[in-house]
Amino acid sequence: MDKNAKIYIAGHRGMVGSAILNNLKDKGYTHIVYRSSDELDLREQEQVRSFFANERPEYVFMAAAKVGGIQANDTYRADFLYENLAIQNNIIHTSYEFNIKKLLFLGSSCIYPKYAPQPIKEEYLLTGPLETTNEPYAIAKIAGIKLCESYWDQYGCNFISAMPTNLYGYNDNYDLENSHVLPALIRKFHEAKIKNENQVVVWGSGIPEREFMFSEDLADACVFLMENYNEKQFLNIGVGNDLSIKELAELIKKTTKFEGEIVFDPSKPDGTPKKLMDSNKLFKLGWRPKTSLAEGIKLAYTDFLKNHHFPGS
């Protein structure tokens, strides 16, 4: 990408989109456009087409999506499927209509089968049943991948896709009903410390293993791919190692300086037993993450303390 190229970031206010925006600015890109959801409803095709007609972006980062943790995914199943399909269909098709030079679609590691062999390689897509709780979101993301591949095949569009592992970082969502596990635990442990409670209850058994990436590292990988990768095959973006939810809880307990007990509630769903991505294809291209999990959680907790205020916290 030329440093003066016009770049559109869909979802610039979210954790991933805001990190991509910061990364592009740090790298000297000067012509970045974006709109808030109040200004542009990406679920509405005519609004998307009007925006592209007026702005004429050359490159598109697709970081806009309806996202949430296990509870939100399982509760709002129709919303997660419909809204994500609408958003990505509108942006991808309109990018084709306006001859966008290149588009990066961001999916999710939940696209893979619940019991996929570990670590998960890109070719394991569609080889088994999905995790039930987030199936609608996963199906939407799989459709996005296939849509990019289909525009590549039929029209020669340089539409690439990347599948990030579990994310956390600056500008995260800390709503206990709709957030992912890591930010939810940061808030739970912090509030328990402030209220002098003697325990924190964590959903599930604590046994499942997860891989976590700092949002700033993901943004750097996305810009790297936009600058260097031009293939139809989607790529995993991970860190190469994982840990159990129990180990994660202990790490967050230490970071927040909570002194009580951790109690696991096995009546709540665990989700996929293990989900470690094989990111070797990306690593062989020359990119690696920079932030360790312990360092990233400290940075996220500092951001939480600075920017997020909840009743009783």
Protein backbone atom coordinates (compact mmCIF):
# COMPACT_ATOMS: atom_id res chain seq x y z
CA MET A 1 0.00 0.00 0.00
CA ASP A 2 1.17 3.49 -0.79
CA LYS A 3 1.39 5.69 2.32
CA ASN A 4 -1.11 8.09 0.72
CA ALA A 5 -3.56 5.36 -0.35
CA LYS A 6 -7.14 5.82 0.81
CA ILE A 7 -7.84 3.15 3.43
CA TYR A 8 -11.24 2.38 4.94
CA ILE A 9 -11.45 0.68 8.35
CA ALA A 10 -14.86 -0.83 9.02
CA GLY A 11 -15.32 -1.03 12.79
CA HIS A 12 -12.70 1.57 13.76
CA ARG A 13 -14.19 2.08 17.23
CA GLY A 14 -13.89 -1.55 18.28
CA MET A 15 -10.90 -3.17 19.92
CA VAL A 16 -9.49 -4.55 16.65
CA GLY A 17 -10.43 -1.65 14.38
CA SER A 18 -8.99 0.97 16.73
CA ALA A 19 -5.76 -1.03 17.00
CA ILE A 20 -5.50 -1.21 13.19
CA LEU A 21 -6.11 2.54 12.98
CA ASN A 22 -3.31 3.22 15.47
CA ASN A 23 -0.95 0.82 13.70
CA LEU A 24 -1.54 2.44 10.30
CA LYS A 25 -0.96 5.91 11.73
CA ASP A 26 2.25 4.74 13.44
CA LYS A 27 3.47 3.35 10.10
CA GLY A 28 2.88 6.67 8.33
CA TYR A 29 -0.39 6.06 6.48
CA THR A 30 -2.10 9.42 6.13
CA HIS A 31 -5.38 8.92 4.29
CA ILE A 32 -7.62 6.75 6.53
CA VAL A 33 -11.42 7.02 6.43
CA TYR A 34 -14.03 5.61 8.80
CA ARG A 35 -17.54 6.17 10.10
CA SER A 36 -19.24 5.40 13.40
CA SER A 37 -22.26 3.09 13.42
CA ASP A 38 -24.44 6.16 14.03
CA GLU A 39 -23.16 7.65 10.77
CA LEU A 40 -23.12 4.47 8.68
CA ASP A 41 -25.20 1.35 9.35
CA LEU A 42 -23.21 -1.42 7.69
CA ARG A 43 -26.26 -3.70 7.78
CA GLU A 44 -27.94 -1.44 5.20
CA GLN A 45 -26.71 -2.05 1.66
CA GLU A 46 -27.68 1.35 0.24
CA GLN A 47 -25.86 3.19 3.03
CA VAL A 48 -22.72 1.14 2.36
CA ARG A 49 -22.94 1.74 -1.39
CA SER A 50 -23.43 5.48 -0.87
CA PHE A 51 -20.39 5.64 1.43
CA PHE A 52 -18.18 3.85 -1.12
CA ALA A 53 -19.46 6.07 -3.93
CA ASN A 54 -18.61 9.21 -1.97
CA GLU A 55 -15.28 8.15 -0.44
CA ARG A 56 -13.86 5.76 -3.07
CA PRO A 57 -11.50 3.87 -0.74
CA GLU A 58 -8.69 1.82 -2.31
CA TYR A 59 -8.13 -0.64 0.55
CA VAL A 60 -10.57 -2.06 3.11
CA PHE A 61 -9.97 -3.58 6.54
CA MET A 62 -13.08 -5.48 7.65
CA ALA A 63 -12.97 -5.32 11.45
CA ALA A 64 -16.69 -4.62 11.92
CA ALA A 65 -18.79 -7.41 13.45
CA LYS A 66 -21.32 -8.19 16.14
CA VAL A 67 -19.22 -9.99 18.75
CA GLY A 68 -19.58 -11.44 22.24
CA GLY A 69 -18.70 -14.30 24.57
CA ILE A 70 -20.39 -17.68 25.13
CA GLN A 71 -23.49 -16.28 26.81
CA ALA A 72 -24.11 -13.58 24.20
CA ASN A 73 -23.49 -15.96 21.29
CA ASP A 74 -25.86 -18.56 22.69
CA THR A 75 -28.59 -16.07 23.64
CA TYR A 76 -28.71 -13.84 20.56
CA ARG A 77 -28.23 -16.55 17.94
CA ALA A 78 -30.40 -14.99 15.21
CA ASP A 79 -28.87 -11.54 15.74
CA PHE A 80 -25.31 -12.87 15.50
CA LEU A 81 -26.04 -14.75 12.29
CA TYR A 82 -28.15 -12.13 10.52
CA GLU A 83 -26.16 -9.01 11.44
CA ASN A 84 -22.76 -10.47 10.66
CA LEU A 85 -23.96 -11.87 7.33
CA ALA A 86 -25.46 -8.49 6.44
CA ILE A 87 -22.34 -6.51 7.38
CA GLN A 88 -19.87 -8.68 5.52
CA ASN A 89 -22.10 -9.25 2.47
CA ASN A 90 -22.58 -5.51 2.04
CA ILE A 91 -18.91 -4.56 2.43
CA ILE A 92 -17.45 -7.41 0.35
CA HIS A 93 -19.92 -7.05 -2.52
CA THR A 94 -19.64 -3.25 -2.57
CA SER A 95 -15.84 -3.52 -2.55
CA TYR A 96 -16.16 -5.62 -5.71
CA GLU A 97 -18.58 -3.12 -7.28
CA PHE A 98 -16.18 -0.22 -6.69
CA ASN A 99 -13.01 -2.09 -7.76
CA ILE A 100 -11.27 -1.98 -4.39
CA LYS A 101 -7.58 -2.86 -4.81
CA LYS A 102 -7.50 -5.13 -1.77
CA LEU A 103 -9.70 -6.19 1.15
CA LEU A 104 -8.83 -8.00 4.38
CA PHE A 105 -11.68 -9.94 6.01
CA LEU A 106 -11.24 -10.90 9.66
CA GLY A 107 -12.88 -14.09 10.86
CA SER A 108 -12.51 -15.99 14.11
CA SER A 109 -10.97 -19.20 15.41
CA CYS A 110 -14.49 -20.45 16.20
CA ILE A 111 -14.89 -21.33 12.49
CA TYR A 112 -13.13 -24.64 13.16
CA PRO A 113 -14.75 -27.90 14.29
CA LYS A 114 -15.28 -28.29 18.04
CA TYR A 115 -12.98 -31.31 18.15
CA ALA A 116 -10.47 -30.27 15.51
CA PRO A 117 -6.98 -31.82 15.80
CA GLN A 118 -4.55 -29.59 17.66
CA PRO A 119 -2.93 -27.28 16.76
CA ILE A 120 -5.58 -26.24 14.26
CA LYS A 121 -4.42 -25.91 10.66
CA GLU A 122 -6.26 -23.87 8.03
CA GLU A 123 -7.20 -27.03 6.12
CA TYR A 124 -9.30 -28.29 9.06
CA LEU A 125 -12.11 -25.91 8.12
CA LEU A 126 -15.41 -27.73 7.47
CA THR A 127 -14.11 -31.13 8.58
CA GLY A 128 -16.48 -31.58 11.55
CA PRO A 129 -19.35 -30.13 13.65
CA LEU A 130 -18.97 -26.68 15.18
CA GLU A 131 -19.21 -25.73 18.86
CA THR A 132 -22.96 -25.35 19.47
CA THR A 133 -22.91 -22.20 21.59
CA ASN A 134 -21.30 -19.99 18.93
CA GLU A 135 -22.41 -21.82 15.81
CA PRO A 136 -24.35 -18.87 14.26
CA TYR A 137 -21.34 -16.53 14.57
CA ALA A 138 -19.03 -19.21 13.19
CA ILE A 139 -21.30 -19.89 10.22
CA ALA A 140 -21.37 -16.18 9.38
CA LYS A 141 -17.59 -16.02 9.46
CA ILE A 142 -17.24 -19.16 7.33
CA ALA A 143 -19.60 -17.55 4.82
CA GLY A 144 -17.36 -14.46 4.80
CA ILE A 145 -14.28 -16.54 4.02
CA LYS A 146 -16.07 -18.36 1.22
CA LEU A 147 -17.44 -15.09 -0.14
CA CYS A 148 -13.93 -13.64 -0.39
CA GLU A 149 -12.68 -16.84 -2.03
CA SER A 150 -15.58 -16.81 -4.49
CA TYR A 151 -14.97 -13.19 -5.54
CA TRP A 152 -11.30 -14.14 -5.94
CA ASP A 153 -12.22 -17.10 -8.18
CA GLN A 154 -14.97 -15.49 -10.22
CA TYR A 155 -13.78 -11.90 -10.54
CA GLY A 156 -10.07 -11.97 -9.62
CA CYS A 157 -10.60 -9.74 -6.56
CA ASN A 158 -7.66 -9.52 -4.15
CA PHE A 159 -9.86 -10.25 -1.14
CA ILE A 160 -7.85 -12.01 1.58
CA SER A 161 -8.98 -13.47 4.91
CA ALA A 162 -7.33 -13.99 8.29
CA MET A 163 -8.53 -15.91 11.35
CA PRO A 164 -7.39 -14.40 14.65
CA THR A 165 -7.22 -16.41 17.84
CA ASN A 166 -8.92 -15.17 21.03
CA LEU A 167 -8.24 -11.46 21.48
CA TYR A 168 -7.95 -8.95 24.31
CA GLY A 169 -6.45 -5.50 24.74
CA TYR A 170 -7.10 -1.78 24.66
CA ASN A 171 -10.69 -0.66 24.14
CA ASP A 172 -12.04 -4.11 25.03
CA ASN A 173 -15.63 -4.93 26.03
CA TYR A 174 -15.98 -5.55 29.77
CA ASP A 175 -19.74 -6.13 29.91
CA LEU A 176 -20.19 -9.30 31.98
CA GLU A 177 -23.03 -10.60 29.83
CA ASN A 178 -21.53 -9.91 26.40
CA SER A 179 -17.75 -9.95 26.79
CA HIS A 180 -15.18 -12.66 26.14
CA VAL A 181 -13.56 -14.64 28.93
CA LEU A 182 -10.36 -12.63 29.49
CA PRO A 183 -11.89 -9.13 29.83
CA ALA A 184 -14.79 -10.57 31.84
CA LEU A 185 -12.31 -12.07 34.29
CA ILE A 186 -10.37 -8.80 34.56
CA ARG A 187 -13.57 -7.03 35.58
CA LYS A 188 -14.68 -9.82 37.93
CA PHE A 189 -11.38 -9.96 39.80
CA HIS A 190 -11.08 -6.17 39.99
CA GLU A 191 -14.59 -5.67 41.37
CA ALA A 192 -14.14 -8.52 43.85
CA LYS A 193 -10.95 -6.84 45.10
CA ILE A 194 -12.65 -3.44 45.42
CA LYS A 195 -15.60 -4.97 47.31
CA ASN A 196 -13.32 -7.08 49.56
CA GLU A 197 -15.06 -10.27 48.48
CA ASN A 198 -13.48 -13.60 49.39
CA GLN A 199 -14.04 -15.42 46.11
CA VAL A 200 -14.51 -15.06 42.36
CA VAL A 201 -16.73 -17.55 40.53
CA VAL A 202 -15.45 -18.54 37.08
CA TRP A 203 -17.74 -20.23 34.53
CA GLY A 204 -17.01 -23.86 33.67
CA SER A 205 -14.49 -26.36 34.95
CA GLY A 206 -11.34 -24.33 34.29
CA ILE A 207 -9.98 -27.23 32.21
CA PRO A 208 -10.46 -25.91 28.62
CA GLU A 209 -7.35 -24.44 27.03
CA ARG A 210 -7.25 -21.22 25.06
CA GLU A 211 -4.77 -19.12 23.10
CA PHE A 212 -4.83 -15.34 23.58
CA MET A 213 -3.38 -12.52 21.47
CA PHE A 214 -2.97 -8.86 22.37
CA SER A 215 -5.01 -6.64 20.03
CA GLU A 216 -2.00 -4.50 19.07
CA ASP A 217 -0.20 -7.60 17.82
CA LEU A 218 -3.22 -8.60 15.73
CA ALA A 219 -3.34 -5.13 14.19
CA ASP A 220 0.33 -5.38 13.27
CA ALA A 221 -0.31 -8.76 11.64
CA CYS A 222 -3.26 -7.35 9.66
CA VAL A 223 -1.21 -4.47 8.25
CA PHE A 224 1.64 -6.90 7.51
CA LEU A 225 -0.75 -9.11 5.51
CA MET A 226 -2.22 -6.14 3.65
CA GLU A 227 1.29 -5.08 2.69
CA ASN A 228 2.74 -8.52 1.90
CA TYR A 229 0.17 -11.28 1.33
CA ASN A 230 -1.78 -11.86 -1.90
CA GLU A 231 -3.22 -15.37 -1.82
CA LYS A 232 -6.73 -16.83 -1.76
CA GLN A 233 -5.88 -19.17 1.14
CA PHE A 234 -6.91 -17.64 4.47
CA LEU A 235 -4.32 -17.59 7.26
CA ASN A 236 -4.46 -18.19 11.00
CA ILE A 237 -3.17 -15.40 13.27
CA GLY A 238 -2.11 -16.73 16.66
CA VAL A 239 0.75 -16.74 19.14
CA GLY A 240 1.63 -20.43 19.07
CA ASN A 241 0.87 -21.41 22.68
CA ASP A 242 -2.11 -21.72 25.02
CA LEU A 243 -3.05 -22.20 28.67
CA SER A 244 -6.00 -23.48 30.67
CA ILE A 245 -8.80 -21.19 31.87
CA LYS A 246 -7.67 -22.05 35.40
CA GLU A 247 -4.15 -20.82 34.63
CA LEU A 248 -5.59 -17.71 33.00
CA ALA A 249 -7.69 -16.99 36.10
CA GLU A 250 -4.62 -17.37 38.32
CA LEU A 251 -2.67 -14.95 36.10
CA ILE A 252 -5.44 -12.34 36.20
CA LYS A 253 -5.83 -12.82 39.95
CA LYS A 254 -2.13 -12.04 40.34
CA THR A 255 -2.28 -9.02 38.00
CA THR A 256 -5.29 -7.47 39.75
CA LYS A 257 -3.88 -8.32 43.21
CA PHE A 258 -7.06 -10.09 44.29
CA GLU A 259 -6.38 -12.08 47.47
CA GLY A 260 -9.46 -14.33 47.66
CA GLU A 261 -10.29 -17.76 46.28
CA ILE A 262 -11.11 -18.85 42.73
CA VAL A 263 -14.21 -21.07 42.50
CA PHE A 264 -15.19 -22.84 39.28
CA ASP A 265 -18.84 -23.45 38.36
CA PRO A 266 -19.00 -26.67 36.29
CA SER A 267 -22.75 -26.19 35.72
CA LYS A 268 -21.84 -23.47 33.21
CA PRO A 269 -20.68 -24.35 29.66
CA ASP A 270 -17.00 -24.90 28.94
CA GLY A 271 -17.19 -24.39 25.18
CA THR A 272 -14.57 -26.05 22.97
CA PRO A 273 -12.13 -28.21 25.04
CA LYS A 274 -8.99 -26.88 23.35
CA LYS A 275 -8.41 -24.30 20.64
CA LEU A 276 -4.81 -23.68 19.65
CA MET A 277 -4.12 -22.30 16.20
CA ASP A 278 -1.32 -23.44 13.92
CA SER A 279 0.04 -20.10 12.67
CA ASN A 280 3.16 -21.44 10.98
CA LYS A 281 2.09 -20.27 7.51
CA LEU A 282 2.01 -16.70 8.81
CA PHE A 283 5.22 -17.07 10.82
CA LYS A 284 7.04 -18.36 7.71
CA LEU A 285 6.15 -15.11 5.95
CA GLY A 286 8.24 -13.26 8.54
CA TRP A 287 5.73 -12.00 11.12
CA ARG A 288 5.72 -12.82 14.86
CA PRO A 289 3.76 -11.44 17.84
CA LYS A 290 5.68 -9.22 20.25
CA THR A 291 3.59 -9.18 23.45
CA SER A 292 3.65 -11.95 26.08
CA LEU A 293 0.34 -12.83 27.79
CA ALA A 294 1.54 -11.62 31.20
CA GLU A 295 2.68 -8.30 29.71
CA GLY A 296 -0.50 -7.93 27.66
CA ILE A 297 -2.80 -8.54 30.63
CA LYS A 298 -0.94 -5.86 32.61
CA LEU A 299 -1.41 -3.41 29.73
CA ALA A 300 -5.10 -4.35 29.39
CA TYR A 301 -5.70 -3.98 33.13
CA THR A 302 -4.04 -0.56 33.13
CA ASP A 303 -6.33 0.46 30.25
CA PHE A 304 -9.34 -0.94 32.15
CA LEU A 305 -8.50 1.13 35.23
CA LYS A 306 -8.03 4.27 33.16
CA ASN A 307 -11.01 4.08 30.83
CA HIS A 308 -13.72 1.84 32.31
CA HIS A 309 -15.87 2.69 35.32
CA PHE A 310 -18.71 0.48 36.49
CA PRO A 311 -21.05 0.77 39.50
CA GLY A 312 -19.24 -0.47 42.58
CA SER A 313 -15.84 -0.69 40.89
